[in-house]
Amino acid sequence: MTVRKKDTDDPALRRVGAIIKRHRRELLDIKPSRQDFISEAECSGLRVGWISEKSLANIENGYNFPSLPTLYNLAIACQISPADLFGEVAGAFSAYDSTDDDPTDR
């Protein structure tokens, strides 16, 4: 399950999506399509329906932020350590100081 964010112009969300997409595309033994990625992950042990193609697209395009269980499953599907992926995602947020856009600080 993902949490929908109304403001789709969040640089941190776009960076998180780019991280997920990069790891998915680094898998050389899987066709680059989202559906093939999902199917391969299901064949490798993730439960059927663990994520929809639309949800994955929304995450990769920076519209949705993945829940912790989804982020964990994405790490498994991308064949990387969940701790490494969590660290990269945390870095995407620390690279962007949201107070920079707070008009009350001016």
PDB file of N, CA and C in Angstrom:
ATOM      1  N   MET A   1       0.843  -1.174   0.000  1.00  0.00           N
ATOM      2  CA  MET A   1       0.000   0.000   0.000  1.00  0.00           C
ATOM      3  C   MET A   1       0.888   1.236   0.000  1.00  0.00           C
ATOM      4  N   THR A   2       0.475   2.221  -0.727  1.00  0.00           N
ATOM      5  CA  THR A   2       1.232   3.461  -0.792  1.00  0.00           C
ATOM      6  C   THR A   2       0.362   4.613  -0.319  1.00  0.00           C
ATOM      7  N   VAL A   3       1.008   5.658   0.118  1.00  0.00           N
ATOM      8  CA  VAL A   3       0.301   6.837   0.594  1.00  0.00           C
ATOM      9  C   VAL A   3       0.346   7.885  -0.507  1.00  0.00           C
ATOM     10  N   ARG A   4      -0.802   8.321  -0.953  1.00  0.00           N
ATOM     11  CA  ARG A   4      -0.894   9.305  -2.032  1.00  0.00           C
ATOM     12  C   ARG A   4      -0.602  10.697  -1.484  1.00  0.00           C
ATOM     13  N   LYS A   5       0.265  11.394  -2.138  1.00  0.00           N
ATOM     14  CA  LYS A   5       0.604  12.760  -1.752  1.00  0.00           C
ATOM     15  C   LYS A   5      -0.061  13.697  -2.748  1.00  0.00           C
ATOM     16  N   LYS A   6      -0.761  14.704  -2.251  1.00  0.00           N
ATOM     17  CA  LYS A   6      -1.485  15.620  -3.134  1.00  0.00           C
ATOM     18  C   LYS A   6      -0.536  16.488  -3.948  1.00  0.00           C
ATOM     19  N   ASP A   7       0.537  16.962  -3.343  1.00  0.00           N
ATOM     20  CA  ASP A   7       1.509  17.782  -4.056  1.00  0.00           C
ATOM     21  C   ASP A   7       2.485  16.855  -4.773  1.00  0.00           C
ATOM     22  N   THR A   8       2.355  16.745  -6.095  1.00  0.00           N
ATOM     23  CA  THR A   8       3.184  15.807  -6.846  1.00  0.00           C
ATOM     24  C   THR A   8       4.508  16.421  -7.279  1.00  0.00           C
ATOM     25  N   ASP A   9       4.810  17.624  -6.822  1.00  0.00           N
ATOM     26  CA  ASP A   9       6.057  18.270  -7.200  1.00  0.00           C
ATOM     27  C   ASP A   9       7.038  18.270  -6.027  1.00  0.00           C
ATOM     28  N   ASP A  10       7.180  17.135  -5.376  1.00  0.00           N
ATOM     29  CA  ASP A  10       8.064  16.996  -4.228  1.00  0.00           C
ATOM     30  C   ASP A  10       9.393  16.404  -4.708  1.00  0.00           C
ATOM     31  N   PRO A  11      10.476  17.169  -4.654  1.00  0.00           N
ATOM     32  CA  PRO A  11      11.764  16.670  -5.141  1.00  0.00           C
ATOM     33  C   PRO A  11      12.220  15.395  -4.434  1.00  0.00           C
ATOM     34  N   ALA A  12      11.946  15.273  -3.147  1.00  0.00           N
ATOM     35  CA  ALA A  12      12.359  14.076  -2.415  1.00  0.00           C
ATOM     36  C   ALA A  12      11.616  12.851  -2.931  1.00  0.00           C
ATOM     37  N   LEU A  13      10.322  12.984  -3.202  1.00  0.00           N
ATOM     38  CA  LEU A  13       9.563  11.853  -3.748  1.00  0.00           C
ATOM     39  C   LEU A  13      10.091  11.461  -5.120  1.00  0.00           C
ATOM     40  N   ARG A  14      10.429  12.449  -5.926  1.00  0.00           N
ATOM     41  CA  ARG A  14      10.980  12.140  -7.252  1.00  0.00           C
ATOM     42  C   ARG A  14      12.317  11.418  -7.118  1.00  0.00           C
ATOM     43  N   ARG A  15      13.136  11.828  -6.142  1.00  0.00           N
ATOM     44  CA  ARG A  15      14.421  11.148  -5.934  1.00  0.00           C
ATOM     45  C   ARG A  15      14.215   9.716  -5.455  1.00  0.00           C
ATOM     46  N   VAL A  16      13.251   9.495  -4.573  1.00  0.00           N
ATOM     47  CA  VAL A  16      12.954   8.131  -4.118  1.00  0.00           C
ATOM     48  C   VAL A  16      12.530   7.279  -5.313  1.00  0.00           C
ATOM     49  N   GLY A  17      11.647   7.812  -6.145  1.00  0.00           N
ATOM     50  CA  GLY A  17      11.214   7.082  -7.332  1.00  0.00           C
ATOM     51  C   GLY A  17      12.364   6.751  -8.257  1.00  0.00           C
ATOM     52  N   ALA A  18      13.278   7.689  -8.431  1.00  0.00           N
ATOM     53  CA  ALA A  18      14.439   7.457  -9.296  1.00  0.00           C
ATOM     54  C   ALA A  18      15.347   6.372  -8.721  1.00  0.00           C
ATOM     55  N   ILE A  19      15.471   6.319  -7.408  1.00  0.00           N
ATOM     56  CA  ILE A  19      16.273   5.280  -6.756  1.00  0.00           C
ATOM     57  C   ILE A  19      15.673   3.910  -7.043  1.00  0.00           C
ATOM     58  N   ILE A  20      14.360   3.785  -6.854  1.00  0.00           N
ATOM     59  CA  ILE A  20      13.676   2.507  -7.092  1.00  0.00           C
ATOM     60  C   ILE A  20      13.835   2.099  -8.554  1.00  0.00           C
ATOM     61  N   LYS A  21      13.571   3.041  -9.460  1.00  0.00           N
ATOM     62  CA  LYS A  21      13.662   2.736 -10.895  1.00  0.00           C
ATOM     63  C   LYS A  21      15.080   2.315 -11.280  1.00  0.00           C
ATOM     64  N   ARG A  22      16.083   2.990 -10.750  1.00  0.00           N
ATOM     65  CA  ARG A  22      17.475   2.648 -11.069  1.00  0.00           C
ATOM     66  C   ARG A  22      17.797   1.223 -10.634  1.00  0.00           C
ATOM     67  N   HIS A  23      17.403   0.867  -9.419  1.00  0.00           N
ATOM     68  CA  HIS A  23      17.677  -0.488  -8.942  1.00  0.00           C
ATOM     69  C   HIS A  23      16.915  -1.527  -9.766  1.00  0.00           C
ATOM     70  N   ARG A  24      15.681  -1.212 -10.137  1.00  0.00           N
ATOM     71  CA  ARG A  24      14.908  -2.161 -10.956  1.00  0.00           C
ATOM     72  C   ARG A  24      15.592  -2.370 -12.299  1.00  0.00           C
ATOM     73  N   ARG A  25      16.045  -1.303 -12.904  1.00  0.00           N
ATOM     74  CA  ARG A  25      16.665  -1.397 -14.236  1.00  0.00           C
ATOM     75  C   ARG A  25      18.066  -2.004 -14.201  1.00  0.00           C
ATOM     76  N   GLU A  26      18.692  -2.036 -13.033  1.00  0.00           N
ATOM     77  CA  GLU A  26      20.015  -2.652 -12.909  1.00  0.00           C
ATOM     78  C   GLU A  26      19.947  -4.176 -12.944  1.00  0.00           C
ATOM     79  N   LEU A  27      18.761  -4.736 -12.827  1.00  0.00           N
ATOM     80  CA  LEU A  27      18.602  -6.189 -12.873  1.00  0.00           C
ATOM     81  C   LEU A  27      18.721  -6.643 -14.325  1.00  0.00           C
ATOM     82  N   LEU A  28      19.855  -7.192 -14.681  1.00  0.00           N
ATOM     83  CA  LEU A  28      20.123  -7.530 -16.073  1.00  0.00           C
ATOM     84  C   LEU A  28      19.410  -8.792 -16.540  1.00  0.00           C
ATOM     85  N   ASP A  29      19.026  -9.654 -15.605  1.00  0.00           N
ATOM     86  CA  ASP A  29      18.390 -10.909 -15.995  1.00  0.00           C
ATOM     87  C   ASP A  29      16.869 -10.797 -16.105  1.00  0.00           C
ATOM     88  N   ILE A  30      16.339  -9.592 -15.932  1.00  0.00           N
ATOM     89  CA  ILE A  30      14.894  -9.370 -16.015  1.00  0.00           C
ATOM     90  C   ILE A  30      14.636  -8.306 -17.068  1.00  0.00           C
ATOM     91  N   LYS A  31      13.621  -8.539 -17.902  1.00  0.00           N
ATOM     92  CA  LYS A  31      13.244  -7.526 -18.888  1.00  0.00           C
ATOM     93  C   LYS A  31      12.926  -6.223 -18.160  1.00  0.00           C
ATOM     94  N   PRO A  32      13.162  -5.090 -18.810  1.00  0.00           N
ATOM     95  CA  PRO A  32      13.013  -3.809 -18.106  1.00  0.00           C
ATOM     96  C   PRO A  32      11.578  -3.380 -17.785  1.00  0.00           C
ATOM     97  N   SER A  33      10.582  -4.125 -18.209  1.00  0.00           N
ATOM     98  CA  SER A  33       9.204  -3.694 -17.941  1.00  0.00           C
ATOM     99  C   SER A  33       8.850  -3.892 -16.467  1.00  0.00           C
ATOM    100  N   ARG A  34       7.964  -3.055 -15.990  1.00  0.00           N
ATOM    101  CA  ARG A  34       7.515  -3.167 -14.600  1.00  0.00           C
ATOM    102  C   ARG A  34       6.814  -4.500 -14.364  1.00  0.00           C
ATOM    103  N   GLN A  35       5.978  -4.914 -15.310  1.00  0.00           N
ATOM    104  CA  GLN A  35       5.232  -6.158 -15.126  1.00  0.00           C
ATOM    105  C   GLN A  35       6.172  -7.358 -15.041  1.00  0.00           C
ATOM    106  N   ASP A  36       7.207  -7.395 -15.866  1.00  0.00           N
ATOM    107  CA  ASP A  36       8.173  -8.490 -15.787  1.00  0.00           C
ATOM    108  C   ASP A  36       8.915  -8.473 -14.452  1.00  0.00           C
ATOM    109  N   PHE A  37       9.242  -7.288 -13.968  1.00  0.00           N
ATOM    110  CA  PHE A  37       9.896  -7.143 -12.668  1.00  0.00           C
ATOM    111  C   PHE A  37       9.012  -7.706 -11.558  1.00  0.00           C
ATOM    112  N   ILE A  38       7.737  -7.346 -11.576  1.00  0.00           N
ATOM    113  CA  ILE A  38       6.786  -7.814 -10.562  1.00  0.00           C
ATOM    114  C   ILE A  38       6.625  -9.327 -10.644  1.00  0.00           C
ATOM    115  N   SER A  39       6.456  -9.841 -11.850  1.00  0.00           N
ATOM    116  CA  SER A  39       6.274 -11.284 -12.041  1.00  0.00           C
ATOM    117  C   SER A  39       7.496 -12.065 -11.581  1.00  0.00           C
ATOM    118  N   GLU A  40       8.682 -11.575 -11.914  1.00  0.00           N
ATOM    119  CA  GLU A  40       9.915 -12.250 -11.501  1.00  0.00           C
ATOM    120  C   GLU A  40      10.040 -12.264  -9.978  1.00  0.00           C
ATOM    121  N   ALA A  41       9.667 -11.172  -9.337  1.00  0.00           N
ATOM    122  CA  ALA A  41       9.717 -11.117  -7.874  1.00  0.00           C
ATOM    123  C   ALA A  41       8.746 -12.126  -7.265  1.00  0.00           C
ATOM    124  N   GLU A  42       7.575 -12.270  -7.877  1.00  0.00           N
ATOM    125  CA  GLU A  42       6.597 -13.253  -7.393  1.00  0.00           C
ATOM    126  C   GLU A  42       7.122 -14.668  -7.582  1.00  0.00           C
ATOM    127  N   CYS A  43       7.784 -14.933  -8.697  1.00  0.00           N
ATOM    128  CA  CYS A  43       8.374 -16.256  -8.931  1.00  0.00           C
ATOM    129  C   CYS A  43       9.512 -16.538  -7.953  1.00  0.00           C
ATOM    130  N   SER A  44      10.136 -15.479  -7.462  1.00  0.00           N
ATOM    131  CA  SER A  44      11.259 -15.624  -6.535  1.00  0.00           C
ATOM    132  C   SER A  44      10.836 -15.689  -5.074  1.00  0.00           C
ATOM    133  N   GLY A  45       9.530 -15.593  -4.809  1.00  0.00           N
ATOM    134  CA  GLY A  45       9.069 -15.779  -3.443  1.00  0.00           C
ATOM    135  C   GLY A  45       8.183 -14.703  -2.857  1.00  0.00           C
ATOM    136  N   LEU A  46       8.122 -13.522  -3.469  1.00  0.00           N
ATOM    137  CA  LEU A  46       7.191 -12.517  -2.951  1.00  0.00           C
ATOM    138  C   LEU A  46       5.774 -12.953  -3.287  1.00  0.00           C
ATOM    139  N   ARG A  47       4.844 -12.604  -2.407  1.00  0.00           N
ATOM    140  CA  ARG A  47       3.468 -13.067  -2.612  1.00  0.00           C
ATOM    141  C   ARG A  47       2.870 -12.444  -3.872  1.00  0.00           C
ATOM    142  N   VAL A  48       2.008 -13.202  -4.511  1.00  0.00           N
ATOM    143  CA  VAL A  48       1.320 -12.713  -5.705  1.00  0.00           C
ATOM    144  C   VAL A  48       0.505 -11.480  -5.322  1.00  0.00           C
ATOM    145  N   GLY A  49       0.607 -10.444  -6.115  1.00  0.00           N
ATOM    146  CA  GLY A  49      -0.113  -9.210  -5.842  1.00  0.00           C
ATOM    147  C   GLY A  49       0.580  -8.300  -4.845  1.00  0.00           C
ATOM    148  N   TRP A  50       1.869  -8.532  -4.594  1.00  0.00           N
ATOM    149  CA  TRP A  50       2.592  -7.718  -3.600  1.00  0.00           C
ATOM    150  C   TRP A  50       2.617  -6.246  -3.981  1.00  0.00           C
ATOM    151  N   ILE A  51       2.537  -5.951  -5.269  1.00  0.00           N
ATOM    152  CA  ILE A  51       2.438  -4.576  -5.748  1.00  0.00           C
ATOM    153  C   ILE A  51       1.816  -4.624  -7.139  1.00  0.00           C
ATOM    154  N   SER A  52       1.053  -3.607  -7.469  1.00  0.00           N
ATOM    155  CA  SER A  52       0.484  -3.542  -8.822  1.00  0.00           C
ATOM    156  C   SER A  52       1.428  -2.739  -9.717  1.00  0.00           C
ATOM    157  N   GLU A  53       1.270  -2.939 -11.006  1.00  0.00           N
ATOM    158  CA  GLU A  53       2.085  -2.188 -11.962  1.00  0.00           C
ATOM    159  C   GLU A  53       1.835  -0.682 -11.819  1.00  0.00           C
ATOM    160  N   LYS A  54       0.585  -0.307 -11.589  1.00  0.00           N
ATOM    161  CA  LYS A  54       0.220   1.103 -11.419  1.00  0.00           C
ATOM    162  C   LYS A  54       0.872   1.691 -10.161  1.00  0.00           C
ATOM    163  N   SER A  55       0.844   0.939  -9.062  1.00  0.00           N
ATOM    164  CA  SER A  55       1.478   1.420  -7.828  1.00  0.00           C
ATOM    165  C   SER A  55       2.978   1.606  -8.013  1.00  0.00           C
ATOM    166  N   LEU A  56       3.610   0.650  -8.692  1.00  0.00           N
ATOM    167  CA  LEU A  56       5.041   0.766  -8.946  1.00  0.00           C
ATOM    168  C   LEU A  56       5.335   1.985  -9.816  1.00  0.00           C
ATOM    169  N   ALA A  57       4.518   2.205 -10.836  1.00  0.00           N
ATOM    170  CA  ALA A  57       4.696   3.378 -11.699  1.00  0.00           C
ATOM    171  C   ALA A  57       4.537   4.666 -10.898  1.00  0.00           C
ATOM    172  N   ASN A  58       3.541   4.710 -10.024  1.00  0.00           N
ATOM    173  CA  ASN A  58       3.321   5.911  -9.210  1.00  0.00           C
ATOM    174  C   ASN A  58       4.490   6.180  -8.265  1.00  0.00           C
ATOM    175  N   ILE A  59       5.075   5.125  -7.729  1.00  0.00           N
ATOM    176  CA  ILE A  59       6.248   5.284  -6.863  1.00  0.00           C
ATOM    177  C   ILE A  59       7.429   5.788  -7.688  1.00  0.00           C
ATOM    178  N   GLU A  60       7.690   5.123  -8.808  1.00  0.00           N
ATOM    179  CA  GLU A  60       8.838   5.499  -9.634  1.00  0.00           C
ATOM    180  C   GLU A  60       8.715   6.903 -10.220  1.00  0.00           C
ATOM    181  N   ASN A  61       7.502   7.349 -10.456  1.00  0.00           N
ATOM    182  CA  ASN A  61       7.288   8.679 -11.027  1.00  0.00           C
ATOM    183  C   ASN A  61       7.175   9.778  -9.967  1.00  0.00           C
ATOM    184  N   GLY A  62       7.308   9.401  -8.695  1.00  0.00           N
ATOM    185  CA  GLY A  62       7.307  10.387  -7.619  1.00  0.00           C
ATOM    186  C   GLY A  62       5.939  10.856  -7.182  1.00  0.00           C
ATOM    187  N   TYR A  63       4.891  10.092  -7.504  1.00  0.00           N
ATOM    188  CA  TYR A  63       3.539  10.467  -7.085  1.00  0.00           C
ATOM    189  C   TYR A  63       3.173   9.881  -5.730  1.00  0.00           C
ATOM    190  N   ASN A  64       3.712   8.708  -5.408  1.00  0.00           N
ATOM    191  CA  ASN A  64       3.403   8.023  -4.153  1.00  0.00           C
ATOM    192  C   ASN A  64       4.690   7.666  -3.443  1.00  0.00           C
ATOM    193  N   PHE A  65       4.605   7.598  -2.117  1.00  0.00           N
ATOM    194  CA  PHE A  65       5.722   7.111  -1.322  1.00  0.00           C
ATOM    195  C   PHE A  65       5.383   5.700  -0.861  1.00  0.00           C
ATOM    196  N   PRO A  66       6.298   4.743  -1.022  1.00  0.00           N
ATOM    197  CA  PRO A  66       5.990   3.370  -0.607  1.00  0.00           C
ATOM    198  C   PRO A  66       5.945   3.236   0.912  1.00  0.00           C
ATOM    199  N   SER A  67       5.038   2.383   1.383  1.00  0.00           N
ATOM    200  CA  SER A  67       5.007   2.064   2.809  1.00  0.00           C
ATOM    201  C   SER A  67       6.283   1.291   3.154  1.00  0.00           C
ATOM    202  N   LEU A  68       6.580   1.139   4.432  1.00  0.00           N
ATOM    203  CA  LEU A  68       7.771   0.384   4.828  1.00  0.00           C
ATOM    204  C   LEU A  68       7.732  -1.061   4.339  1.00  0.00           C
ATOM    205  N   PRO A  69       6.587  -1.780   4.463  1.00  0.00           N
ATOM    206  CA  PRO A  69       6.561  -3.143   3.922  1.00  0.00           C
ATOM    207  C   PRO A  69       6.792  -3.175   2.404  1.00  0.00           C
ATOM    208  N   THR A  70       6.231  -2.206   1.689  1.00  0.00           N
ATOM    209  CA  THR A  70       6.433  -2.160   0.242  1.00  0.00           C
ATOM    210  C   THR A  70       7.885  -1.845  -0.079  1.00  0.00           C
ATOM    211  N   LEU A  71       8.481  -0.924   0.650  1.00  0.00           N
ATOM    212  CA  LEU A  71       9.886  -0.586   0.439  1.00  0.00           C
ATOM    213  C   LEU A  71      10.773  -1.802   0.709  1.00  0.00           C
ATOM    214  N   TYR A  72      10.450  -2.548   1.757  1.00  0.00           N
ATOM    215  CA  TYR A  72      11.183  -3.777   2.069  1.00  0.00           C
ATOM    216  C   TYR A  72      11.059  -4.767   0.911  1.00  0.00           C
ATOM    217  N   ASN A  73       9.830  -4.967   0.418  1.00  0.00           N
ATOM    218  CA  ASN A  73       9.616  -5.890  -0.700  1.00  0.00           C
ATOM    219  C   ASN A  73      10.317  -5.412  -1.967  1.00  0.00           C
ATOM    220  N   LEU A  74      10.347  -4.112  -2.197  1.00  0.00           N
ATOM    221  CA  LEU A  74      11.063  -3.582  -3.361  1.00  0.00           C
ATOM    222  C   LEU A  74      12.554  -3.896  -3.260  1.00  0.00           C
ATOM    223  N   ALA A  75      13.108  -3.794  -2.067  1.00  0.00           N
ATOM    224  CA  ALA A  75      14.520  -4.141  -1.884  1.00  0.00           C
ATOM    225  C   ALA A  75      14.758  -5.609  -2.217  1.00  0.00           C
ATOM    226  N   ILE A  76      13.895  -6.477  -1.709  1.00  0.00           N
ATOM    227  CA  ILE A  76      14.023  -7.907  -1.991  1.00  0.00           C
ATOM    228  C   ILE A  76      13.904  -8.154  -3.490  1.00  0.00           C
ATOM    229  N   ALA A  77      12.919  -7.535  -4.125  1.00  0.00           N
ATOM    230  CA  ALA A  77      12.702  -7.716  -5.562  1.00  0.00           C
ATOM    231  C   ALA A  77      13.877  -7.179  -6.378  1.00  0.00           C
ATOM    232  N   CYS A  78      14.508  -6.118  -5.897  1.00  0.00           N
ATOM    233  CA  CYS A  78      15.665  -5.529  -6.597  1.00  0.00           C
ATOM    234  C   CYS A  78      16.969  -6.245  -6.249  1.00  0.00           C
ATOM    235  N   GLN A  79      16.866  -7.242  -5.386  1.00  0.00           N
ATOM    236  CA  GLN A  79      18.003  -8.061  -4.980  1.00  0.00           C
ATOM    237  C   GLN A  79      19.093  -7.226  -4.304  1.00  0.00           C
ATOM    238  N   ILE A  80      18.642  -6.311  -3.436  1.00  0.00           N
ATOM    239  CA  ILE A  80      19.573  -5.512  -2.644  1.00  0.00           C
ATOM    240  C   ILE A  80      19.160  -5.598  -1.177  1.00  0.00           C
ATOM    241  N   SER A  81      20.050  -5.222  -0.314  1.00  0.00           N
ATOM    242  CA  SER A  81      19.773  -5.239   1.120  1.00  0.00           C
ATOM    243  C   SER A  81      18.705  -4.197   1.457  1.00  0.00           C
ATOM    244  N   PRO A  82      17.670  -4.592   2.220  1.00  0.00           N
ATOM    245  CA  PRO A  82      16.689  -3.595   2.647  1.00  0.00           C
ATOM    246  C   PRO A  82      17.341  -2.424   3.385  1.00  0.00           C
ATOM    247  N   ALA A  83      18.355  -2.701   4.199  1.00  0.00           N
ATOM    248  CA  ALA A  83      19.036  -1.620   4.923  1.00  0.00           C
ATOM    249  C   ALA A  83      19.684  -0.632   3.951  1.00  0.00           C
ATOM    250  N   ASP A  84      20.264  -1.146   2.872  1.00  0.00           N
ATOM    251  CA  ASP A  84      20.878  -0.260   1.879  1.00  0.00           C
ATOM    252  C   ASP A  84      19.830   0.613   1.202  1.00  0.00           C
ATOM    253  N   LEU A  85      18.695   0.007   0.836  1.00  0.00           N
ATOM    254  CA  LEU A  85      17.641   0.779   0.178  1.00  0.00           C
ATOM    255  C   LEU A  85      17.046   1.803   1.142  1.00  0.00           C
ATOM    256  N   PHE A  86      16.803   1.404   2.386  1.00  0.00           N
ATOM    257  CA  PHE A  86      16.275   2.351   3.373  1.00  0.00           C
ATOM    258  C   PHE A  86      17.237   3.529   3.536  1.00  0.00           C
ATOM    259  N   GLY A  87      18.538   3.236   3.548  1.00  0.00           N
ATOM    260  CA  GLY A  87      19.532   4.296   3.668  1.00  0.00           C
ATOM    261  C   GLY A  87      19.511   5.248   2.487  1.00  0.00           C
ATOM    262  N   GLU A  88      19.379   4.697   1.288  1.00  0.00           N
ATOM    263  CA  GLU A  88      19.305   5.552   0.098  1.00  0.00           C
ATOM    264  C   GLU A  88      18.062   6.437   0.133  1.00  0.00           C
ATOM    265  N   VAL A  89      16.944   5.843   0.547  1.00  0.00           N
ATOM    266  CA  VAL A  89      15.693   6.607   0.619  1.00  0.00           C
ATOM    267  C   VAL A  89      15.810   7.711   1.669  1.00  0.00           C
ATOM    268  N   ALA A  90      16.391   7.390   2.815  1.00  0.00           N
ATOM    269  CA  ALA A  90      16.589   8.419   3.844  1.00  0.00           C
ATOM    270  C   ALA A  90      17.476   9.538   3.308  1.00  0.00           C
ATOM    271  N   GLY A  91      18.481   9.174   2.541  1.00  0.00           N
ATOM    272  CA  GLY A  91      19.359  10.169   1.941  1.00  0.00           C
ATOM    273  C   GLY A  91      18.636  11.080   0.969  1.00  0.00           C
ATOM    274  N   ALA A  92      17.626  10.544   0.289  1.00  0.00           N
ATOM    275  CA  ALA A  92      16.845  11.358  -0.649  1.00  0.00           C
ATOM    276  C   ALA A  92      16.120  12.468   0.088  1.00  0.00           C
ATOM    277  N   PHE A  93      15.722  12.206   1.322  1.00  0.00           N
ATOM    278  CA  PHE A  93      15.029  13.226   2.107  1.00  0.00           C
ATOM    279  C   PHE A  93      16.002  14.169   2.794  1.00  0.00           C
ATOM    280  N   SER A  94      17.148  13.670   3.223  1.00  0.00           N
ATOM    281  CA  SER A  94      18.105  14.551   3.891  1.00  0.00           C
ATOM    282  C   SER A  94      18.776  15.495   2.901  1.00  0.00           C
ATOM    283  N   ALA A  95      18.778  15.129   1.623  1.00  0.00           N
ATOM    284  CA  ALA A  95      19.365  15.994   0.596  1.00  0.00           C
ATOM    285  C   ALA A  95      18.468  17.186   0.291  1.00  0.00           C
ATOM    286  N   TYR A  96      17.238  17.134   0.780  1.00  0.00           N
ATOM    287  CA  TYR A  96      16.266  18.197   0.509  1.00  0.00           C
ATOM    288  C   TYR A  96      15.748  18.717   1.833  1.00  0.00           C
ATOM    289  N   ASP A  97      16.023  19.929   2.158  1.00  0.00           N
ATOM    290  CA  ASP A  97      15.548  20.539   3.397  1.00  0.00           C
ATOM    291  C   ASP A  97      14.221  21.220   3.105  1.00  0.00           C
ATOM    292  N   SER A  98      13.129  20.612   3.555  1.00  0.00           N
ATOM    293  CA  SER A  98      11.794  21.125   3.242  1.00  0.00           C
ATOM    294  C   SER A  98      11.547  22.507   3.832  1.00  0.00           C
ATOM    295  N   THR A  99      12.328  22.925   4.813  1.00  0.00           N
ATOM    296  CA  THR A  99      12.125  24.263   5.369  1.00  0.00           C
ATOM    297  C   THR A  99      12.531  25.343   4.380  1.00  0.00           C
ATOM    298  N   ASP A 100      13.295  24.967   3.343  1.00  0.00           N
ATOM    299  CA  ASP A 100      13.682  25.943   2.323  1.00  0.00           C
ATOM    300  C   ASP A 100      12.475  26.508   1.596  1.00  0.00           C
ATOM    301  N   ASP A 101      11.394  25.747   1.533  1.00  0.00           N
ATOM    302  CA  ASP A 101      10.202  26.174   0.818  1.00  0.00           C
ATOM    303  C   ASP A 101       9.132  26.746   1.737  1.00  0.00           C
ATOM    304  N   ASP A 102       9.438  26.896   3.014  1.00  0.00           N
ATOM    305  CA  ASP A 102       8.456  27.385   3.968  1.00  0.00           C
ATOM    306  C   ASP A 102       8.403  28.914   3.896  1.00  0.00           C
ATOM    307  N   PRO A 103       7.293  29.476   3.371  1.00  0.00           N
ATOM    308  CA  PRO A 103       7.218  30.924   3.221  1.00  0.00           C
ATOM    309  C   PRO A 103       7.214  31.665   4.554  1.00  0.00           C
ATOM    310  N   THR A 104       6.907  30.987   5.662  1.00  0.00           N
ATOM    311  CA  THR A 104       6.891  31.657   6.966  1.00  0.00           C
ATOM    312  C   THR A 104       8.300  31.937   7.470  1.00  0.00           C
ATOM    313  N   ASP A 105       9.307  31.302   6.858  1.00  0.00           N
ATOM    314  CA  ASP A 105      10.695  31.516   7.264  1.00  0.00           C
ATOM    315  C   ASP A 105      11.310  32.747   6.608  1.00  0.00           C
ATOM    316  N   ARG A 106      10.589  33.416   5.754  1.00  0.00           N
ATOM    317  CA  ARG A 106      11.141  34.559   5.015  1.00  0.00           C
ATOM    318  C   ARG A 106      10.839  35.858   5.691  1.00  0.00           C
TER     319      ARG A 106
END
